[in-house]
Structures are given as C-alpha cells and as structure tokens.
C-alpha cells in the first residue's frame, strides 16, 4: 500500500500532471463560456498563453522555445485562416477569440500539437455541429405563415363604449412590442447560428495534450502506414 501511495504522490507532484490540470481547467472554462456567450475572454486566452509560457520553465515538458513557437504557430495559423476566409467569403470566417485561444493551446502543446488539435477540433465540429446546422437550415427553408395584420376600425364608425374594446389607437401601440419581440428573436437566432469553435477545440486540445502519441499511432495503423 505504501508503494502505491508513493507512486500516486509522485504522479500528482509531476510537473506534467500539474501543468495538465491547469491546462484542462482553462479549456473547460473556455468551452463553457464559448457555449453560453459565443465569446472567449482574453483573461483565458491571452492570460492562458502567458501561463503556458511560464510553466514551460518547469522540467519534464515543453522547453520555453517550443512553447513560444507553438503559441506563434497556433495564433498565426488561425489568423491566416481567418484572413483567407474573409478574403474568399467576404465575411468574417474566424473569431478573434479562437485565434487567441489557439495561441494559448500552442503554448501548452507545441507547434505539432497545434495541427493535431485543429484536426480533431474540426472533426468534432463537423460530426456534432454539422447535423445541427443542417436541421436549422431545413427548418428555415419551410415558409412561415404570414402574420395577421391588425384591422383598424374608424372611431367614428364604432364607439369604444359600445363594444367594450380599447380605442383603435391602442391596437397599433400594442402591436409594437410584438414586433420588437420578433426582431429580438430573429437576432437571437442569428447568434445561435454561429459556430462556437472553442467548444470543439477545447476537448481536442485536451486529447492532444494527454494522448497525442497514442492518437497518432492509432491513425497511422488505421491508414496502414504502421504495422
């Protein structure tokens, strides 16, 4: 029992385990925040990148040089993707939060881990968000029933006291909040149509940090490049 306890204590005190715990905590916070707000705070991305560079000074992990190169490659690669996407599609293709997040990821996993993280994150996004996006497009293609237009009756024709209804002017006024609610609902739908890429990059980065070698070997065996 004492030997097992010593092994567990040594594992917990290893720098890689401590760095992994810090990295996983940052990724979990980013995933939950991006899912709820479609935003990645700079405190988590830029602050996390600085922490990644700082913990690279500890033994047993990335060297400071590899951490710095990983941060530059991670942020620079996604910045290039965002620039190219905006040039081709004439609209924003990648959020600034995702770019800064990948700089943080690169500081923890290195430049090679950046490519594996992007591959796994894109795969997860396609498998999970792809069907959701397809269903939303199918629903939006179904024509909605036209709203009923309010009928205004001249005040001279019908007196409010005779029908017990409010004056016609109030009908137009009461319709205004409904239009406002429809407008706000449409705006909310547009926001929901965005892809929270950080939600998929976060688990991909965690898998890369802990299982990069195993995943690469498994992929090579799958495609027949390793016996």
Protein backbone atom coordinates (compact mmCIF):
# COMPACT_ATOMS: atom_id res chain seq x y z
CA UNK A 1 0.00 0.00 0.00
CA UNK A 2 2.79 2.40 0.82
CA UNK A 3 4.37 1.72 -2.58
CA UNK A 4 1.10 2.51 -4.35
CA UNK A 5 0.69 5.67 -2.31
CA UNK A 6 4.21 6.76 -3.15
CA UNK A 7 3.55 6.17 -6.84
CA UNK A 8 0.34 8.24 -6.68
CA UNK A 9 2.05 11.05 -4.79
CA UNK A 10 4.89 11.13 -7.30
CA UNK A 11 2.41 11.24 -10.17
CA UNK A 12 0.49 14.15 -8.66
CA UNK A 13 3.67 16.08 -7.98
CA UNK A 14 5.00 15.63 -11.52
CA UNK A 15 5.15 18.94 -13.40
CA UNK A 16 3.33 17.44 -16.39
CA UNK A 17 0.36 16.44 -14.19
CA UNK A 18 0.20 19.90 -12.60
CA UNK A 19 0.51 21.65 -15.96
CA UNK A 20 -2.14 19.35 -17.42
CA UNK A 21 -4.54 20.22 -14.59
CA UNK A 22 -4.02 23.93 -15.23
CA UNK A 23 -4.45 23.47 -18.97
CA UNK A 24 -7.62 21.40 -18.57
CA UNK A 25 -9.13 23.98 -16.23
CA UNK A 26 -8.52 26.73 -18.80
CA UNK A 27 -10.01 24.62 -21.58
CA UNK A 28 -13.12 23.79 -19.54
CA UNK A 29 -13.70 27.46 -18.74
CA UNK A 30 -13.26 28.40 -22.41
CA UNK A 31 -15.66 25.69 -23.62
CA UNK A 32 -18.42 26.66 -21.19
CA UNK A 33 -18.02 30.38 -21.84
CA UNK A 34 -17.99 29.98 -25.61
CA UNK A 35 -21.05 27.76 -25.46
CA UNK A 36 -23.04 30.29 -23.43
CA UNK A 37 -21.82 33.61 -24.84
CA UNK A 38 -20.01 32.80 -28.13
CA UNK A 39 -17.07 34.72 -26.69
CA UNK A 40 -13.66 33.68 -25.35
CA UNK A 41 -12.38 36.17 -22.76
CA UNK A 42 -8.84 37.48 -23.12
CA UNK A 43 -8.24 36.55 -19.50
CA UNK A 44 -8.50 32.90 -20.52
CA UNK A 45 -6.80 33.04 -23.93
CA UNK A 46 -4.05 35.63 -23.59
CA UNK A 47 -3.67 35.00 -19.87
CA UNK A 48 -3.55 31.27 -20.53
CA UNK A 49 -0.87 31.75 -23.19
CA UNK A 50 1.28 33.64 -20.71
CA UNK A 51 0.77 30.87 -18.17
CA UNK A 52 1.75 28.29 -20.79
CA UNK A 53 4.98 30.15 -21.49
CA UNK A 54 5.64 30.45 -17.78
CA UNK A 55 5.14 26.78 -16.92
CA UNK A 56 7.41 25.78 -19.81
CA UNK A 57 10.24 26.74 -17.45
CA UNK A 58 9.38 23.64 -15.40
CA UNK A 59 11.28 20.44 -16.23
CA UNK A 60 9.69 17.47 -17.95
CA UNK A 61 7.56 19.31 -20.53
CA UNK A 62 7.96 21.71 -23.42
CA UNK A 63 11.00 23.91 -23.47
CA UNK A 64 10.40 27.68 -23.45
CA UNK A 65 11.43 27.85 -27.11
CA UNK A 66 9.00 25.11 -28.15
CA UNK A 67 6.24 26.77 -26.13
CA UNK A 68 6.88 30.13 -27.79
CA UNK A 69 6.98 28.61 -31.27
CA UNK A 70 3.74 26.73 -30.52
CA UNK A 71 2.00 29.95 -29.44
CA UNK A 72 3.15 31.77 -32.59
CA UNK A 73 2.15 28.91 -34.88
CA UNK A 74 -1.22 28.40 -33.18
CA UNK A 75 -2.24 32.05 -33.31
CA UNK A 76 -0.62 32.73 -36.68
CA UNK A 77 -2.18 29.72 -38.38
CA UNK A 78 -5.71 30.61 -37.35
CA UNK A 79 -5.09 34.26 -38.19
CA UNK A 80 -4.10 33.18 -41.72
CA UNK A 81 -7.24 31.03 -41.96
CA UNK A 82 -9.39 33.97 -40.80
CA UNK A 83 -7.74 36.35 -43.28
CA UNK A 84 -8.12 33.91 -46.18
CA UNK A 85 -11.72 33.12 -45.26
CA UNK A 86 -12.65 36.80 -45.11
CA UNK A 87 -10.99 37.31 -48.50
CA UNK A 88 -12.82 34.41 -50.14
CA UNK A 89 -16.24 34.58 -48.48
CA UNK A 90 -16.34 38.37 -47.98
CA UNK A 91 -17.26 37.97 -44.32
CA UNK A 92 -15.65 37.10 -41.00
CA UNK A 93 -14.66 33.42 -41.08
CA UNK A 94 -12.93 33.11 -37.70
CA UNK A 95 -13.39 34.97 -34.45
CA UNK A 96 -10.53 36.71 -32.73
CA UNK A 97 -11.17 34.68 -29.59
CA UNK A 98 -10.47 31.44 -31.46
CA UNK A 99 -7.19 32.86 -32.77
CA UNK A 100 -6.00 33.85 -29.32
CA UNK A 101 -7.20 30.55 -27.88
CA UNK A 102 -5.05 28.60 -30.32
CA UNK A 103 -2.06 30.71 -29.30
CA UNK A 104 -2.74 29.57 -25.74
CA UNK A 105 -3.11 25.95 -26.87
CA UNK A 106 0.16 26.13 -28.78
CA UNK A 107 1.95 27.37 -25.69
CA UNK A 108 0.94 24.16 -23.90
CA UNK A 109 1.15 21.53 -26.68
CA UNK A 110 3.77 22.94 -29.07
CA UNK A 111 3.52 23.57 -32.80
CA UNK A 112 2.97 19.91 -33.68
CA UNK A 113 0.12 19.70 -31.20
CA UNK A 114 -1.48 22.71 -32.87
CA UNK A 115 -2.08 20.78 -36.09
CA UNK A 116 -3.45 17.75 -34.26
CA UNK A 117 -5.74 19.97 -32.18
CA UNK A 118 -7.13 21.69 -35.27
CA UNK A 119 -7.68 18.34 -36.99
CA UNK A 120 -9.54 16.81 -34.05
CA UNK A 121 -11.48 20.03 -33.35
CA UNK A 122 -12.61 20.33 -36.97
CA UNK A 123 -13.64 16.68 -36.96
CA UNK A 124 -15.66 17.08 -33.77
CA UNK A 125 -17.27 20.25 -35.09
CA UNK A 126 -18.29 18.55 -38.33
CA UNK A 127 -19.71 15.48 -36.60
CA UNK A 128 -21.60 17.38 -33.88
CA UNK A 129 -22.46 20.81 -35.23
CA UNK A 130 -22.87 19.74 -38.87
CA UNK A 131 -26.18 17.86 -38.34
CA UNK A 132 -27.46 20.64 -36.07
CA UNK A 133 -26.72 23.25 -38.73
CA UNK A 134 -28.43 21.09 -41.38
CA UNK A 135 -31.58 20.78 -39.29
CA UNK A 136 -31.67 24.54 -38.74
CA UNK A 137 -31.35 25.19 -42.46
CA UNK A 138 -34.17 22.77 -43.22
CA UNK A 139 -36.40 24.47 -40.66
CA UNK A 140 -35.58 27.92 -42.00
CA UNK A 141 -36.43 26.81 -45.55
CA UNK A 142 -40.02 25.98 -44.52
CA UNK A 143 -42.16 29.07 -45.31
CA UNK A 144 -43.74 30.56 -42.23
CA UNK A 145 -47.37 31.57 -42.11
CA UNK A 146 -47.83 35.30 -42.69
CA UNK A 147 -48.79 37.21 -39.54
CA UNK A 148 -52.29 38.52 -39.23
CA UNK A 149 -52.46 42.24 -39.88
CA UNK A 150 -54.43 44.25 -37.31
CA UNK A 151 -57.68 45.69 -38.61
CA UNK A 152 -58.22 49.32 -37.73
CA UNK A 153 -61.82 50.40 -37.36
CA UNK A 154 -62.53 54.12 -37.61
CA UNK A 155 -63.51 55.67 -34.33
CA UNK A 156 -66.50 57.35 -35.91
CA UNK A 157 -67.95 54.02 -37.04
CA UNK A 158 -67.80 52.17 -33.74
CA UNK A 159 -67.60 53.71 -30.32
CA UNK A 160 -65.29 52.05 -27.77
CA UNK A 161 -68.04 52.29 -25.18
CA UNK A 162 -70.41 50.27 -27.39
CA UNK A 163 -68.07 47.31 -27.96
CA UNK A 164 -66.14 47.39 -24.72
CA UNK A 165 -62.86 47.25 -26.72
CA UNK A 166 -59.99 49.72 -26.33
CA UNK A 167 -59.66 52.55 -28.88
CA UNK A 168 -58.12 51.60 -32.25
CA UNK A 169 -55.01 53.62 -31.48
CA UNK A 170 -54.13 51.22 -28.68
CA UNK A 171 -54.20 48.28 -31.10
CA UNK A 172 -51.31 49.72 -33.09
CA UNK A 173 -49.50 50.53 -29.90
CA UNK A 174 -49.93 47.01 -28.53
CA UNK A 175 -48.61 45.56 -31.79
CA UNK A 176 -45.29 47.38 -31.38
CA UNK A 177 -43.96 45.18 -28.53
CA UNK A 178 -44.82 42.09 -30.58
CA UNK A 179 -42.74 43.39 -33.47
CA UNK A 180 -39.91 44.19 -31.10
CA UNK A 181 -40.06 40.68 -29.68
CA UNK A 182 -39.96 39.21 -33.19
CA UNK A 183 -36.96 41.36 -34.07
CA UNK A 184 -35.09 40.38 -30.92
CA UNK A 185 -35.93 36.73 -31.52
CA UNK A 186 -34.53 36.95 -35.05
CA UNK A 187 -31.31 38.45 -33.73
CA UNK A 188 -31.01 35.68 -31.16
CA UNK A 189 -31.46 33.08 -33.90
CA UNK A 190 -28.62 34.62 -35.90
CA UNK A 191 -26.35 34.40 -32.86
CA UNK A 192 -27.28 30.77 -32.32
CA UNK A 193 -26.37 30.00 -35.92
CA UNK A 194 -22.72 30.87 -35.21
CA UNK A 195 -20.28 28.04 -34.62
CA UNK A 196 -18.74 28.06 -31.12
CA UNK A 197 -15.44 26.65 -32.40
CA UNK A 198 -13.83 26.95 -28.99
CA UNK A 199 -16.30 24.36 -27.70
CA UNK A 200 -14.74 21.78 -30.03
CA UNK A 201 -11.15 22.99 -29.85
CA UNK A 202 -11.14 22.60 -26.06
CA UNK A 203 -11.62 18.79 -25.90
CA UNK A 204 -9.39 18.42 -28.95
CA UNK A 205 -6.59 20.26 -27.16
CA UNK A 206 -7.04 18.12 -24.04
CA UNK A 207 -6.85 14.92 -26.10
CA UNK A 208 -3.73 16.25 -27.82
CA UNK A 209 -2.05 17.06 -24.52
CA UNK A 210 -2.69 13.69 -22.91
CA UNK A 211 -2.95 11.25 -25.84
CA UNK A 212 -1.09 12.77 -28.80
CA UNK A 213 1.31 9.87 -29.33
CA UNK A 214 -1.41 7.23 -28.98
CA UNK A 215 -3.73 9.05 -31.37
CA UNK A 216 -1.03 9.46 -34.00
CA UNK A 217 -0.01 5.80 -33.77
CA UNK A 218 -3.64 4.71 -33.97
CA UNK A 219 -4.23 6.86 -37.04
CA UNK A 220 -1.12 5.50 -38.76
CA UNK A 221 -2.26 1.95 -38.08
CA UNK A 222 -5.72 2.79 -39.40
CA UNK A 223 -4.38 4.05 -42.73
CA UNK A 224 -1.87 1.21 -42.95
CA UNK A 225 1.30 3.26 -42.51
CA UNK A 226 2.39 1.44 -39.38
CA UNK A 227 2.45 -2.28 -38.78
